[in-house]
Amino acid sequence: MRRKRGRRGGNRHMPHGSKQGPNGQKNPSRPPSTSQTQSGRHSAAKAGSGPRADNRNYAAVDLGTNNCRLLIARPSGVGFEVVDAFSRIVRLGEGLGTSQHLAEEAMDRAVAALRICASKMRRRNVARARVVTTQACRHADNSDIFMRRVARETGLDMEVLSPEEEARLAVIGCAPLLDRSASKALVFDIGGGSTELVWLDMTANGPRGEPEPLAWASLPVGVVTLADRYDGRTVNRAGYESMVAEVKALLADRPWTEELDAELAAATESGDIHPARHVRHRHHHRGHSPGPAAL
């Protein structure tokens, strides 16, 4: 699986767990669930007596290429009740469309937002947390320096999601919104630095009841990287057409088979498909999921 230096990746099958460390090396172990101890995720998870077992707070932090988002929730019935949330545009990946480095100002903005997240997590006495980051830290060659700074200044130990895991979590997040009367679905997870596409079989269920992925692709383009390369402040027709051409070129070498490609075309033609778009560069509102890091 190629995933560094802006290359695209894809596979016919999507694994159920895959993690990446700050140095970009892949760890094949499945990410721990919220029912397991998340050692090193946040000091609040290890300090103090903690709330009662039936009233624990859980947190998810998603540091994307554009946004930093936090959701804190507690179990309630068969789901969760949101108790706190936070979102800030930090543009961590600013400049990555034309370079390999995280800019100092971008790192400063991200660290400032993460300090707020850490403060909220301490105040809410979070028992378990997962803190993830995505394409910006997969792509930048100084991401290890940035992640060490985050750990030092905020106490948060971030996990770099692989493209496979990012796509898998996007499916889980979109699953409740999909129309089960359709036999197939195509999920678009549009972020600041990457876009994941997942082709789903709606008649089959995965481990959490979500539709079964038939194929997936991760494209190293998003709203931040495209804006960097094509001057997003003054988009004209020529610039827009160049953006479209770049994305089409990435899609031309699809990772799935010709049979699946024909199946997708047939489902689209017949209308037996549910397209689901998850745009992560927008603000989320209180009570909404903060994206692929959702509990």
Protein backbone atom coordinates (compact mmCIF):
# COMPACT_ATOMS: atom_id res chain seq x y z
CA MET A 1 0.00 0.00 0.00
CA ARG A 2 1.57 3.28 -1.13
CA ARG A 3 0.59 6.19 1.06
CA LYS A 4 3.46 8.66 1.49
CA ARG A 5 4.59 11.58 -0.65
CA GLY A 6 1.16 12.27 -2.09
CA ARG A 7 0.69 8.94 -3.85
CA ARG A 8 -2.73 7.43 -4.09
CA GLY A 9 -3.65 4.08 -2.65
CA GLY A 10 -6.38 1.56 -3.03
CA ASN A 11 -7.37 -2.04 -2.59
CA ARG A 12 -10.15 -4.39 -3.47
CA HIS A 13 -10.49 -5.39 0.17
CA MET A 14 -10.34 -3.07 3.14
CA PRO A 15 -8.86 -4.45 6.39
CA HIS A 16 -10.69 -3.95 9.64
CA GLY A 17 -7.77 -2.30 11.43
CA SER A 18 -4.52 -0.61 10.56
CA LYS A 19 -2.45 1.96 12.39
CA GLN A 20 0.51 4.08 11.50
CA GLY A 21 3.10 5.56 13.81
CA PRO A 22 4.74 8.99 13.59
CA ASN A 23 7.54 7.57 11.42
CA GLY A 24 5.05 6.33 8.81
CA GLN A 25 5.62 2.63 9.56
CA LYS A 26 2.52 0.51 9.48
CA ASN A 27 1.33 -1.39 12.50
CA PRO A 28 -1.01 -4.20 11.45
CA SER A 29 -2.73 -4.47 14.79
CA ARG A 30 -6.35 -3.40 14.99
CA PRO A 31 -6.94 -0.12 16.83
CA PRO A 32 -8.25 -0.71 20.37
CA SER A 33 -11.94 -0.14 20.89
CA THR A 34 -13.34 2.32 23.40
CA SER A 35 -13.95 -0.60 25.76
CA GLN A 36 -10.21 -1.22 25.99
CA THR A 37 -7.62 0.74 27.93
CA GLN A 38 -6.00 3.34 25.69
CA SER A 39 -2.61 3.64 27.36
CA GLY A 40 -0.76 6.77 26.45
CA ARG A 41 -3.75 8.43 24.77
CA HIS A 42 -4.20 11.16 27.39
CA SER A 43 -3.12 11.74 30.94
CA ALA A 44 -6.73 12.29 32.03
CA ALA A 45 -7.40 8.63 31.25
CA LYS A 46 -4.84 7.57 33.85
CA ALA A 47 -5.18 10.16 36.60
CA GLY A 48 -7.70 10.50 39.39
CA SER A 49 -10.37 8.16 40.63
CA GLY A 50 -12.54 8.60 37.52
CA PRO A 51 -16.34 8.58 37.24
CA ARG A 52 -18.56 5.58 37.84
CA ALA A 53 -18.34 2.77 35.27
CA ASP A 54 -21.90 3.45 34.05
CA ASN A 55 -21.31 7.18 33.57
CA ARG A 56 -17.88 7.40 31.96
CA ASN A 57 -16.99 10.05 29.41
CA TYR A 58 -15.23 9.12 26.17
CA ALA A 59 -13.45 11.48 23.80
CA ALA A 60 -12.47 11.51 20.14
CA VAL A 61 -10.07 14.09 18.68
CA ASP A 62 -9.66 14.35 14.91
CA LEU A 63 -6.81 16.59 13.77
CA GLY A 64 -7.30 16.83 10.03
CA THR A 65 -5.50 18.74 7.33
CA ASN A 66 -7.99 21.60 7.73
CA ASN A 67 -9.93 21.18 10.99
CA CYS A 68 -9.30 20.15 14.58
CA ARG A 69 -12.39 18.58 16.14
CA LEU A 70 -13.28 17.13 19.50
CA LEU A 71 -16.31 15.17 20.67
CA ILE A 72 -16.88 14.08 24.27
CA ALA A 73 -19.78 11.73 24.95
CA ARG A 74 -21.08 9.24 27.50
CA PRO A 75 -23.02 6.00 26.96
CA SER A 76 -26.78 6.51 26.90
CA GLY A 77 -29.08 3.62 26.08
CA VAL A 78 -27.89 2.02 22.84
CA GLY A 79 -25.90 5.10 21.79
CA PHE A 80 -24.07 8.08 23.23
CA GLU A 81 -25.06 11.43 24.70
CA VAL A 82 -22.81 14.33 23.65
CA VAL A 83 -21.56 16.31 26.64
CA ASP A 84 -19.04 18.62 24.95
CA ALA A 85 -17.67 19.43 21.50
CA PHE A 86 -15.16 21.74 19.86
CA SER A 87 -14.14 22.61 16.30
CA ARG A 88 -11.56 25.01 14.90
CA ILE A 89 -10.12 25.52 11.43
CA VAL A 90 -6.33 25.21 11.81
CA ARG A 91 -5.20 24.44 8.22
CA LEU A 92 -2.42 22.19 9.43
CA GLY A 93 -1.74 21.17 5.84
CA GLU A 94 -1.39 24.72 4.51
CA GLY A 95 1.41 24.69 1.95
CA LEU A 96 1.54 20.89 1.64
CA GLY A 97 0.13 21.15 -1.87
CA THR A 98 3.49 22.50 -2.97
CA SER A 99 5.93 21.26 -0.29
CA GLN A 100 6.68 18.35 2.04
CA HIS A 101 6.78 20.36 5.28
CA LEU A 102 4.30 21.39 7.95
CA ALA A 103 4.68 25.16 8.28
CA GLU A 104 5.57 26.63 11.69
CA GLU A 105 2.46 28.84 11.76
CA ALA A 106 0.26 25.89 10.87
CA MET A 107 1.76 23.78 13.66
CA ASP A 108 1.26 26.67 16.10
CA ARG A 109 -2.43 26.89 15.19
CA ALA A 110 -2.90 23.13 15.56
CA VAL A 111 -1.15 22.98 18.93
CA ALA A 112 -3.26 25.88 20.24
CA ALA A 113 -6.45 24.04 19.26
CA LEU A 114 -5.21 20.77 20.76
CA ARG A 115 -4.50 22.54 24.06
CA ILE A 116 -8.19 23.48 24.20
CA CYS A 117 -9.14 19.87 23.48
CA ALA A 118 -6.86 18.59 26.24
CA SER A 119 -8.28 21.14 28.70
CA LYS A 120 -11.85 20.10 27.91
CA MET A 121 -10.94 16.44 28.30
CA ARG A 122 -9.43 17.06 31.74
CA ARG A 123 -12.42 19.14 32.82
CA ARG A 124 -14.83 16.43 31.70
CA ASN A 125 -12.77 13.72 33.42
CA VAL A 126 -12.46 11.65 30.24
CA ALA A 127 -11.89 7.97 30.97
CA ARG A 128 -10.93 6.83 27.46
CA ALA A 129 -9.84 8.76 24.38
CA ARG A 130 -8.60 8.31 20.86
CA VAL A 131 -6.61 11.10 19.22
CA VAL A 132 -5.99 10.74 15.49
CA THR A 133 -4.49 12.71 12.64
CA THR A 134 -4.62 12.05 8.92
CA GLN A 135 -3.16 13.07 5.56
CA ALA A 136 -1.10 16.10 6.64
CA CYS A 137 0.96 13.97 9.03
CA ARG A 138 1.10 11.07 6.59
CA HIS A 139 2.55 13.36 3.92
CA ALA A 140 4.85 15.79 5.77
CA ASP A 141 8.45 14.79 6.37
CA ASN A 142 8.55 16.73 9.66
CA SER A 143 5.40 15.19 11.13
CA ASP A 144 7.40 13.29 13.76
CA ILE A 145 8.77 16.60 15.09
CA PHE A 146 5.26 18.03 15.20
CA MET A 147 3.81 15.01 17.01
CA ARG A 148 6.53 15.10 19.64
CA ARG A 149 5.74 18.77 20.21
CA VAL A 150 2.03 17.95 20.59
CA ALA A 151 2.80 15.27 23.19
CA ARG A 152 5.14 17.61 25.07
CA GLU A 153 2.87 20.68 25.10
CA THR A 154 -0.60 19.13 25.38
CA GLY A 155 -0.13 15.62 26.79
CA LEU A 156 -1.94 14.15 23.78
CA ASP A 157 -0.40 11.13 22.06
CA MET A 158 -1.61 11.17 18.47
CA GLU A 159 -2.12 8.20 16.18
CA VAL A 160 -1.63 8.62 12.41
CA LEU A 161 -4.47 6.87 10.61
CA SER A 162 -3.56 4.88 7.53
CA PRO A 163 -5.70 5.49 4.43
CA GLU A 164 -7.28 2.05 4.97
CA GLU A 165 -8.35 2.89 8.51
CA GLU A 166 -9.57 6.34 7.50
CA ALA A 167 -11.78 4.78 4.81
CA ARG A 168 -13.08 2.12 7.22
CA LEU A 169 -14.06 4.70 9.83
CA ALA A 170 -15.76 6.82 7.19
CA VAL A 171 -17.96 3.84 6.32
CA ILE A 172 -18.85 3.26 9.98
CA GLY A 173 -19.72 6.94 10.39
CA CYS A 174 -21.94 7.01 7.28
CA ALA A 175 -23.58 3.61 7.77
CA PRO A 176 -26.65 4.83 9.75
CA LEU A 177 -27.43 7.34 6.97
CA LEU A 178 -27.36 4.90 4.06
CA ASP A 179 -30.54 3.80 2.33
CA ARG A 180 -30.75 0.06 2.88
CA SER A 181 -33.21 -0.31 0.01
CA ALA A 182 -30.31 0.25 -2.40
CA SER A 183 -28.09 -2.71 -3.20
CA LYS A 184 -24.90 -0.64 -3.50
CA ALA A 185 -23.51 2.63 -2.12
CA LEU A 186 -20.56 4.84 -2.90
CA VAL A 187 -19.10 6.78 0.05
CA PHE A 188 -17.04 9.94 -0.55
CA ASP A 189 -15.02 11.09 2.47
CA ILE A 190 -13.74 14.53 1.43
CA GLY A 191 -11.07 16.00 3.69
CA GLY A 192 -8.51 18.76 3.61
CA GLY A 193 -5.65 16.62 2.31
CA SER A 194 -7.15 13.38 1.04
CA THR A 195 -10.39 11.96 -0.31
CA GLU A 196 -11.47 8.38 0.34
CA LEU A 197 -13.95 6.54 -1.89
CA VAL A 198 -15.52 3.27 -0.78
CA TRP A 199 -17.76 1.05 -2.94
CA LEU A 200 -20.17 -0.84 -0.66
CA ASP A 201 -22.34 -3.92 -0.87
CA MET A 202 -25.50 -2.94 1.01
CA THR A 203 -26.73 -6.55 1.18
CA ALA A 204 -23.80 -7.70 3.36
CA ASN A 205 -22.85 -6.66 6.88
CA GLY A 206 -19.44 -6.05 8.43
CA PRO A 207 -18.44 -6.64 12.07
CA ARG A 208 -20.43 -3.62 13.34
CA GLY A 209 -23.40 -4.10 11.05
CA GLU A 210 -22.07 -1.67 8.45
CA PRO A 211 -22.25 -2.49 4.71
CA GLU A 212 -19.40 -4.63 3.40
CA PRO A 213 -16.72 -2.77 1.39
CA LEU A 214 -16.13 -4.19 -2.10
CA ALA A 215 -13.34 -1.76 -3.03
CA TRP A 216 -11.80 1.50 -1.89
CA ALA A 217 -9.41 4.21 -3.00
CA SER A 218 -7.55 7.03 -1.27
CA LEU A 219 -6.72 10.07 -3.39
CA PRO A 220 -4.07 12.52 -2.08
CA VAL A 221 -6.22 15.57 -2.84
CA GLY A 222 -8.51 17.64 -0.64
CA VAL A 223 -9.79 21.16 -0.19
CA VAL A 224 -6.54 22.46 1.32
CA THR A 225 -4.08 20.85 -1.10
CA LEU A 226 -6.13 21.82 -4.17
CA ALA A 227 -6.49 25.39 -2.90
CA ASP A 228 -2.71 25.56 -2.41
CA ARG A 229 -1.95 24.39 -5.93
CA TYR A 230 -4.67 26.30 -7.77
CA ASP A 231 -5.06 29.51 -5.71
CA GLY A 232 -8.39 28.80 -4.09
CA ARG A 233 -9.01 32.51 -3.45
CA THR A 234 -9.33 33.37 -7.14
CA VAL A 235 -10.71 30.26 -8.82
CA ASN A 236 -11.44 30.78 -12.51
CA ARG A 237 -12.67 28.39 -15.19
CA ALA A 238 -9.17 27.38 -16.26
CA GLY A 239 -8.12 26.64 -12.68
CA TYR A 240 -11.30 24.69 -12.01
CA GLU A 241 -10.83 22.60 -15.14
CA SER A 242 -7.24 21.89 -14.09
CA MET A 243 -8.45 20.65 -10.70
CA VAL A 244 -11.03 18.41 -12.37
CA ALA A 245 -8.38 17.05 -14.73
CA GLU A 246 -6.03 16.23 -11.84
CA VAL A 247 -8.71 14.31 -9.95
CA LYS A 248 -9.82 12.50 -13.11
CA ALA A 249 -6.23 11.41 -13.71
CA LEU A 250 -6.04 9.98 -10.20
CA LEU A 251 -9.31 8.14 -10.71
CA ALA A 252 -8.25 6.77 -14.10
CA ASP A 253 -6.07 4.10 -12.50
CA ARG A 254 -8.82 2.65 -10.35
CA PRO A 255 -7.81 0.04 -7.77
CA TRP A 256 -10.81 -2.18 -8.35
CA THR A 257 -11.39 -4.73 -11.08
CA GLU A 258 -13.07 -4.14 -14.41
CA GLU A 259 -15.98 -6.28 -13.20
CA LEU A 260 -16.54 -4.01 -10.21
CA ASP A 261 -16.14 -0.94 -12.41
CA ALA A 262 -18.84 -2.24 -14.75
CA GLU A 263 -21.03 -3.03 -11.72
CA LEU A 264 -20.68 0.52 -10.44
CA ALA A 265 -21.58 1.95 -13.85
CA ALA A 266 -24.64 -0.31 -14.11
CA ALA A 267 -25.84 0.58 -10.60
CA THR A 268 -25.44 4.27 -11.36
CA GLU A 269 -27.33 3.94 -14.63
CA SER A 270 -30.22 2.05 -12.99
CA GLY A 271 -30.36 4.32 -9.94
CA ASP A 272 -29.78 1.38 -7.60
CA ILE A 273 -27.05 3.19 -5.70
CA HIS A 274 -26.90 5.54 -2.75
CA PRO A 275 -24.08 8.11 -2.96
CA ALA A 276 -23.02 9.35 0.48
CA ARG A 277 -20.78 12.37 0.86
CA HIS A 278 -18.93 13.15 4.08
CA VAL A 279 -17.25 16.56 3.91
CA ARG A 280 -14.82 16.98 6.78
CA HIS A 281 -13.66 20.53 6.06
CA ARG A 282 -16.90 22.08 7.26
CA HIS A 283 -17.66 23.02 10.86
CA HIS A 284 -19.60 20.40 12.78
CA HIS A 285 -22.32 21.51 15.14
CA ARG A 286 -22.69 20.53 18.76
CA GLY A 287 -23.95 16.99 18.95
CA HIS A 288 -22.63 15.96 15.54
CA SER A 289 -19.87 13.45 14.94
CA PRO A 290 -16.39 14.98 14.53
CA GLY A 291 -15.63 12.79 11.52
CA PRO A 292 -13.71 9.54 11.22
CA ALA A 293 -12.42 9.70 14.80
CA ALA A 294 -15.97 9.32 16.09
CA LEU A 295 -16.68 7.00 18.97
